[in-house]
Amino acid sequence: MLEIDGSQKSGSGTILRLSVALASILKEPLHIYNIRQKRPQPGLRPQHLEAVLTAAKICGAEVKGAEVGSREIWYTPGEISGGEIRAEIGTAGSIPMLIMTVLPICVFAKRRVRLRIVRGGTDVRNSPTINYMHHVFLPALREMGVDASITVHKYGYYPKGMGEVTLEVEPSTSLKPLKLEECGEIKIVKGVSVCTFLADRKVAERQAKAADAFLAAQGYKTQIKIVNDRSNPFQKGSSIVLWAETTKKAFLGADAIGELRKTSEKVGREAAEKLYDELAAKPTVDTHLADMLIPYIALAKGNSAYTTRKITEHLETNIWLAEKILNTEIRVTKTRSLYRVEKTA
């Protein structure tokens, strides 16, 4: 049985998500305790609970201790069957975080997985936006042989959520290693600026205009799509994601979300400033993608390598956990102003 102390490293939900995913793939029983020990509200929150229960549906797992507030669970996975699955978060809890839990499991399913996630948040704090997942995360995984798509039916924002998304994943017999050694030159910055029931205030346009103005001043061309969405009448909101296209196929993205008393101009500029930090450093993946890729390079056969501009707490945590559970080695070395993340064969 895998014994995981959730208070180690970041002490966050990432330990729970990755432990459940890897245990499911290995078909190893898991006991995880001190769940989210270092967070203001320790234990399972509704979005974490639904992530665990959804993973259990995909692989026929038996789960004990799975309830809101619980600080330990026992998780015994079975066969990863796949098929049609439904998940319901019921709050503005992050849909992208639920996807990050189950996607690695779905890759190893016996048949195609079609997961419908309802009543959640697509664009919320402390989480990638759904369009970051679609335009940055999934394209990077395609380089590793992952065939997955995300369809947004309803955008969902804090506090009501009510977002709805479908994740579709085709099984893969094995993951290919990922080798991204050079950033290359920036060809163009693309983006998607979304607002839901805020078209009258030109929120999506203003976000895009502010992002374009900042990046143009740094010498970058932009192509930002405006989406005036009307999918969710229960909760207004907005977000913007930006990503770079480079000559060496690096994966650099950044996003920002609208919030009360935060101007549309500030949202757009925030995303642009975060992306500029990446563009100026010229790594091959952005700081958030660097930690999100760890389970995939750990599971892939062969040598993988990429560079990132800083070592985050989540990156350190994911490396520690992947090495502990999969008995693999992932090295991080400083190369000039960047960090090289390498998984040896």
Protein backbone atom coordinates (compact mmCIF):
# COMPACT_ATOMS: atom_id res chain seq x y z
CA MET A 1 0.00 0.00 0.00
CA LEU A 2 1.19 3.50 -0.84
CA GLU A 3 1.43 5.58 2.34
CA ILE A 4 1.46 9.33 1.63
CA ASP A 5 1.71 12.13 4.19
CA GLY A 6 -0.25 15.05 2.77
CA SER A 7 1.49 17.54 5.07
CA GLN A 8 4.81 17.17 3.27
CA LYS A 9 6.24 19.81 0.90
CA SER A 10 3.40 22.17 -0.18
CA GLY A 11 0.88 20.38 2.05
CA SER A 12 -1.73 21.22 -0.58
CA GLY A 13 -4.36 19.54 -2.73
CA THR A 14 -1.77 18.76 -5.40
CA ILE A 15 -0.49 15.88 -3.23
CA LEU A 16 -3.98 14.39 -3.05
CA ARG A 17 -4.64 14.81 -6.79
CA LEU A 18 -1.36 13.33 -7.96
CA SER A 19 -1.37 10.49 -5.39
CA VAL A 20 -4.83 9.37 -6.49
CA ALA A 21 -3.89 9.59 -10.18
CA LEU A 22 -0.67 7.60 -9.84
CA ALA A 23 -2.22 5.00 -7.50
CA SER A 24 -5.00 4.47 -10.08
CA ILE A 25 -2.51 3.98 -12.91
CA LEU A 26 -0.34 1.60 -10.86
CA LYS A 27 -3.44 -0.18 -9.47
CA GLU A 28 -1.89 0.19 -6.00
CA PRO A 29 -3.97 0.75 -2.83
CA LEU A 30 -3.39 4.22 -1.37
CA HIS A 31 -3.64 5.60 2.16
CA ILE A 32 -3.19 9.37 2.27
CA TYR A 33 -3.41 11.28 5.55
CA ASN A 34 -2.96 14.89 6.73
CA ILE A 35 -4.75 15.95 3.53
CA ARG A 36 -4.20 19.66 2.73
CA GLN A 37 -2.62 20.04 6.17
CA LYS A 38 -1.02 23.41 5.36
CA ARG A 39 -4.14 25.07 3.96
CA PRO A 40 -6.47 27.44 5.91
CA GLN A 41 -9.26 24.84 5.70
CA PRO A 42 -7.47 21.47 5.91
CA GLY A 43 -9.06 18.29 4.60
CA LEU A 44 -11.23 17.63 1.58
CA ARG A 45 -13.18 20.55 0.13
CA PRO A 46 -16.08 19.80 -2.26
CA GLN A 47 -13.88 20.06 -5.38
CA HIS A 48 -11.26 17.68 -3.92
CA LEU A 49 -13.92 15.23 -2.85
CA GLU A 50 -15.49 15.21 -6.32
CA ALA A 51 -12.07 14.74 -7.92
CA VAL A 52 -11.44 11.65 -5.79
CA LEU A 53 -14.93 10.23 -6.45
CA THR A 54 -14.62 10.88 -10.19
CA ALA A 55 -11.25 9.12 -10.30
CA ALA A 56 -12.87 6.22 -8.45
CA LYS A 57 -15.64 5.99 -11.06
CA ILE A 58 -13.09 5.83 -13.88
CA CYS A 59 -11.11 2.99 -12.34
CA GLY A 60 -13.72 1.22 -10.21
CA ALA A 61 -11.98 2.15 -6.97
CA GLU A 62 -13.25 1.49 -3.47
CA VAL A 63 -12.91 4.62 -1.31
CA LYS A 64 -13.16 5.02 2.46
CA GLY A 65 -13.16 8.29 4.36
CA ALA A 66 -14.28 10.35 1.35
CA GLU A 67 -16.37 13.20 2.77
CA VAL A 68 -16.00 16.96 3.02
CA GLY A 69 -13.52 17.85 5.77
CA SER A 70 -11.92 14.41 5.89
CA ARG A 71 -8.14 14.47 6.39
CA GLU A 72 -7.45 10.90 5.36
CA ILE A 73 -8.77 8.45 2.81
CA TRP A 74 -8.15 4.87 1.76
CA TYR A 75 -8.34 4.37 -2.01
CA THR A 76 -8.22 0.93 -3.64
CA PRO A 77 -8.30 1.16 -7.46
CA GLY A 78 -9.49 -1.48 -9.93
CA GLU A 79 -9.40 -1.63 -13.72
CA ILE A 80 -9.38 1.68 -15.60
CA SER A 81 -12.41 0.98 -17.73
CA GLY A 82 -13.30 4.41 -19.10
CA GLY A 83 -16.62 5.13 -20.81
CA GLU A 84 -19.22 7.82 -20.04
CA ILE A 85 -18.68 9.51 -16.66
CA ARG A 86 -20.40 12.45 -14.95
CA ALA A 87 -18.98 14.67 -12.21
CA GLU A 88 -20.77 17.39 -10.26
CA ILE A 89 -18.77 19.77 -8.08
CA GLY A 90 -21.73 21.79 -6.79
CA THR A 91 -19.70 24.93 -5.95
CA ALA A 92 -17.35 27.26 -7.83
CA GLY A 93 -14.62 24.68 -7.19
CA SER A 94 -12.12 24.37 -10.00
CA ILE A 95 -13.03 22.23 -13.01
CA PRO A 96 -9.45 22.47 -14.36
CA MET A 97 -8.12 21.02 -11.09
CA LEU A 98 -10.54 18.10 -11.35
CA ILE A 99 -9.34 17.55 -14.93
CA MET A 100 -5.72 17.54 -13.74
CA THR A 101 -6.59 14.74 -11.29
CA VAL A 102 -8.31 12.42 -13.73
CA LEU A 103 -6.62 13.11 -17.09
CA PRO A 104 -3.52 10.95 -16.39
CA ILE A 105 -5.84 8.08 -15.40
CA CYS A 106 -7.96 8.49 -18.55
CA VAL A 107 -4.87 8.17 -20.75
CA PHE A 108 -4.47 4.57 -19.53
CA ALA A 109 -8.15 3.59 -19.80
CA LYS A 110 -9.25 0.52 -21.75
CA ARG A 111 -11.63 2.61 -23.83
CA ARG A 112 -12.43 6.22 -24.65
CA VAL A 113 -13.42 8.42 -21.71
CA ARG A 114 -16.08 11.08 -22.04
CA LEU A 115 -16.33 13.02 -18.79
CA ARG A 116 -19.06 15.62 -18.32
CA ILE A 117 -18.26 18.00 -15.43
CA VAL A 118 -21.14 20.19 -14.25
CA ARG A 119 -21.78 22.90 -11.64
CA GLY A 120 -18.18 24.00 -11.17
CA GLY A 121 -15.81 26.88 -11.84
CA THR A 122 -14.02 27.12 -15.17
CA ASP A 123 -12.15 30.33 -14.32
CA VAL A 124 -11.45 30.76 -10.61
CA ARG A 125 -8.61 31.83 -8.33
CA ASN A 126 -5.61 29.59 -7.59
CA SER A 127 -6.26 27.48 -10.69
CA PRO A 128 -5.48 27.58 -14.39
CA THR A 129 -8.36 28.91 -16.49
CA ILE A 130 -10.18 26.45 -18.72
CA ASN A 131 -8.78 28.20 -21.80
CA TYR A 132 -5.24 27.82 -20.46
CA MET A 133 -5.93 24.09 -20.25
CA HIS A 134 -7.26 24.08 -23.82
CA HIS A 135 -4.64 26.28 -25.49
CA VAL A 136 -1.45 25.59 -23.48
CA PHE A 137 -1.68 22.41 -21.40
CA LEU A 138 -3.35 20.05 -23.90
CA PRO A 139 -1.14 21.12 -26.84
CA ALA A 140 1.94 20.31 -24.73
CA LEU A 141 0.50 16.89 -23.87
CA ARG A 142 -0.19 16.20 -27.57
CA GLU A 143 3.57 16.26 -28.07
CA MET A 144 3.65 13.27 -25.70
CA GLY A 145 0.94 11.36 -27.55
CA VAL A 146 -2.03 12.37 -25.38
CA ASP A 147 -5.21 12.68 -27.46
CA ALA A 148 -7.57 14.79 -25.34
CA SER A 149 -9.99 17.65 -25.90
CA ILE A 150 -11.98 20.08 -23.77
CA THR A 151 -15.35 21.53 -24.78
CA VAL A 152 -16.77 24.41 -22.72
CA HIS A 153 -20.58 24.39 -22.54
CA LYS A 154 -20.88 27.02 -19.81
CA TYR A 155 -18.25 29.26 -18.26
CA GLY A 156 -18.36 29.33 -14.46
CA TYR A 157 -16.98 31.93 -12.06
CA TYR A 158 -16.85 32.61 -8.33
CA PRO A 159 -19.03 32.54 -6.25
CA LYS A 160 -21.86 30.59 -7.97
CA GLY A 161 -19.85 28.54 -10.46
CA MET A 162 -22.42 26.67 -12.58
CA GLY A 163 -19.84 26.04 -15.30
CA GLU A 164 -20.03 22.95 -17.50
CA VAL A 165 -17.29 21.21 -19.50
CA THR A 166 -16.75 17.94 -21.38
CA LEU A 167 -13.35 16.23 -21.34
CA GLU A 168 -12.79 13.55 -23.98
CA VAL A 169 -9.71 11.31 -23.90
CA GLU A 170 -8.61 8.54 -26.23
CA PRO A 171 -6.55 5.76 -24.57
CA SER A 172 -2.82 5.65 -25.25
CA THR A 173 -0.63 2.56 -25.00
CA SER A 174 2.34 4.61 -23.84
CA LEU A 175 3.47 8.18 -23.36
CA LYS A 176 6.25 9.64 -25.49
CA PRO A 177 9.07 11.57 -23.80
CA LEU A 178 9.05 15.36 -24.09
CA LYS A 179 12.21 17.15 -25.20
CA LEU A 180 12.10 20.94 -25.25
CA GLU A 181 15.62 22.33 -25.06
CA GLU A 182 15.28 25.71 -26.84
CA CYS A 183 12.63 28.42 -26.72
CA GLY A 184 13.34 29.81 -30.19
CA GLU A 185 12.13 33.19 -31.40
CA ILE A 186 8.68 34.54 -30.57
CA LYS A 187 6.56 34.62 -33.73
CA ILE A 188 3.29 35.94 -32.29
CA VAL A 189 1.31 36.07 -29.06
CA LYS A 190 -2.22 34.68 -29.33
CA GLY A 191 -5.02 34.82 -26.83
CA VAL A 192 -8.68 34.45 -25.93
CA SER A 193 -10.47 37.13 -23.92
CA VAL A 194 -13.85 36.01 -22.58
CA CYS A 195 -16.66 37.72 -20.73
CA THR A 196 -20.01 36.24 -19.76
CA PHE A 197 -23.05 38.57 -19.84
CA LEU A 198 -20.74 41.61 -19.74
CA ALA A 199 -20.71 42.53 -23.44
CA ASP A 200 -22.52 45.80 -22.71
CA ARG A 201 -19.45 46.94 -20.75
CA LYS A 202 -17.08 45.69 -23.47
CA VAL A 203 -15.18 43.70 -20.84
CA ALA A 204 -13.60 41.16 -23.21
CA GLU A 205 -12.55 43.92 -25.63
CA ARG A 206 -11.04 46.04 -22.85
CA GLN A 207 -9.09 43.09 -21.43
CA ALA A 208 -7.69 42.30 -24.88
CA LYS A 209 -6.87 45.93 -25.64
CA ALA A 210 -4.92 46.34 -22.39
CA ALA A 211 -2.96 43.13 -22.99
CA ASP A 212 -2.22 44.14 -26.58
CA ALA A 213 -1.04 47.61 -25.55
CA PHE A 214 1.39 46.26 -22.95
CA LEU A 215 2.84 43.56 -25.21
CA ALA A 216 3.05 45.87 -28.24
CA ALA A 217 5.15 48.26 -26.14
CA GLN A 218 7.56 45.34 -25.56
CA GLY A 219 7.73 44.68 -29.30
CA TYR A 220 5.36 41.69 -29.57
CA LYS A 221 2.56 41.22 -32.10
CA THR A 222 -0.71 39.91 -30.71
CA GLN A 223 -3.79 38.18 -32.06
CA ILE A 224 -6.42 38.00 -29.32
CA LYS A 225 -9.87 36.53 -29.95
CA ILE A 226 -12.82 38.30 -28.30
CA VAL A 227 -15.60 36.07 -26.90
CA ASN A 228 -18.79 37.74 -25.67
CA ASP A 229 -20.28 34.67 -24.00
CA ARG A 230 -23.90 34.15 -22.94
CA SER A 231 -23.65 30.54 -21.73
CA ASN A 232 -24.24 31.08 -18.01
CA PRO A 233 -27.03 33.45 -16.89
CA PHE A 234 -26.39 32.65 -13.22
CA GLN A 235 -22.91 34.14 -12.88
CA LYS A 236 -21.23 36.98 -14.75
CA GLY A 237 -17.45 36.92 -15.07
CA SER A 238 -14.42 37.16 -17.31
CA SER A 239 -10.96 35.81 -18.04
CA ILE A 240 -8.12 36.11 -20.51
CA VAL A 241 -5.42 33.65 -21.56
CA LEU A 242 -2.35 34.50 -23.64
CA TRP A 243 0.22 32.19 -25.18
CA ALA A 244 3.26 32.53 -27.42
CA GLU A 245 4.01 30.71 -30.66
CA THR A 246 7.76 30.22 -31.06
CA THR A 247 10.04 28.85 -33.77
CA LYS A 248 11.08 25.93 -31.51
CA LYS A 249 7.56 25.08 -30.28
CA ALA A 250 7.97 26.17 -26.67
CA PHE A 251 4.84 26.27 -24.49
CA LEU A 252 4.55 29.62 -22.73
CA GLY A 253 1.21 30.88 -21.45
CA ALA A 254 -0.37 33.07 -18.77
CA ASP A 255 -3.86 33.98 -17.69
CA ALA A 256 -5.88 36.24 -15.40
CA ILE A 257 -9.50 36.38 -14.20
CA GLY A 258 -11.93 39.19 -13.57
CA GLU A 259 -12.95 39.95 -10.00
CA LEU A 260 -15.05 42.52 -8.15
CA ARG A 261 -13.41 45.97 -8.08
CA LYS A 262 -10.76 44.81 -10.58
CA THR A 263 -10.93 46.72 -13.85
CA SER A 264 -10.92 44.93 -17.19
CA GLU A 265 -7.77 46.85 -18.06
CA LYS A 266 -6.04 45.50 -14.96
CA VAL A 267 -7.06 41.91 -15.84
CA GLY A 268 -5.64 42.21 -19.36
CA ARG A 269 -2.42 43.87 -18.24
CA GLU A 270 -1.94 41.28 -15.45
CA ALA A 271 -2.00 38.40 -17.94
CA ALA A 272 0.30 40.30 -20.31
CA GLU A 273 2.82 41.08 -17.57
CA LYS A 274 2.89 37.44 -16.46
CA LEU A 275 3.45 36.29 -20.03
CA TYR A 276 6.16 38.90 -20.56
CA ASP A 277 8.07 37.49 -17.56
CA GLU A 278 8.16 34.18 -19.45
CA LEU A 279 9.01 35.72 -22.83
CA ALA A 280 11.88 37.72 -21.37
CA ALA A 281 13.41 34.65 -19.67
CA LYS A 282 12.87 32.39 -22.73
CA PRO A 283 12.31 29.00 -21.03
CA THR A 284 10.66 26.19 -22.99
CA VAL A 285 7.64 25.90 -20.66
CA ASP A 286 6.04 28.44 -18.32
CA THR A 287 6.23 28.10 -14.54
CA HIS A 288 2.75 26.57 -14.14
CA LEU A 289 3.11 24.10 -16.99
CA ALA A 290 6.45 23.00 -15.52
CA ASP A 291 4.75 21.36 -12.52
CA MET A 292 1.70 20.13 -14.48
CA LEU A 293 3.92 18.09 -16.82
CA ILE A 294 5.73 16.17 -14.06
CA PRO A 295 3.40 13.13 -13.84
CA TYR A 296 3.49 12.72 -17.61
CA ILE A 297 7.27 12.82 -18.02
CA ALA A 298 7.57 10.53 -14.97
CA LEU A 299 5.28 7.98 -16.64
CA ALA A 300 6.79 8.29 -20.12
CA LYS A 301 9.49 5.87 -21.21
CA GLY A 302 12.77 7.51 -22.14
CA ASN A 303 14.45 10.81 -21.36
CA SER A 304 12.44 14.04 -21.08
CA ALA A 305 13.76 17.53 -20.52
CA TYR A 306 12.52 21.13 -20.49
CA THR A 307 13.49 24.47 -18.96
CA THR A 308 11.57 26.80 -16.66
CA ARG A 309 12.43 30.18 -15.18
CA LYS A 310 11.84 29.28 -11.52
CA ILE A 311 11.29 26.39 -9.15
CA THR A 312 7.85 26.68 -7.60
CA GLU A 313 6.54 24.90 -4.52
CA HIS A 314 4.19 22.85 -6.71
CA LEU A 315 7.06 21.79 -8.99
CA GLU A 316 9.12 20.63 -6.01
CA THR A 317 6.11 18.79 -4.56
CA ASN A 318 5.23 17.01 -7.81
CA ILE A 319 8.82 15.90 -8.36
CA TRP A 320 9.07 14.59 -4.78
CA LEU A 321 5.81 12.67 -5.11
CA ALA A 322 6.52 11.24 -8.59
CA GLU A 323 9.92 10.00 -7.42
CA LYS A 324 8.44 8.51 -4.25
CA ILE A 325 5.55 6.67 -5.94
CA LEU A 326 7.08 5.75 -9.31
CA ASN A 327 10.64 5.15 -8.12
CA THR A 328 12.00 7.36 -10.90
CA GLU A 329 14.54 10.19 -10.91
CA ILE A 330 13.84 13.76 -11.98
CA ARG A 331 16.80 16.11 -11.79
CA VAL A 332 16.70 19.91 -11.65
CA THR A 333 19.86 21.78 -12.60
CA LYS A 334 20.58 25.50 -13.03
CA THR A 335 21.56 26.49 -16.57
CA ARG A 336 22.42 30.18 -16.70
CA SER A 337 19.20 32.01 -15.69
CA LEU A 338 16.94 28.97 -16.20
CA TYR A 339 16.30 25.63 -14.51
CA ARG A 340 16.47 22.43 -16.54
CA VAL A 341 14.04 19.70 -15.48
CA GLU A 342 15.13 16.27 -16.69
CA LYS A 343 13.72 12.82 -16.22
CA THR A 344 16.27 10.14 -16.98
CA ALA A 345 15.23 6.97 -18.77
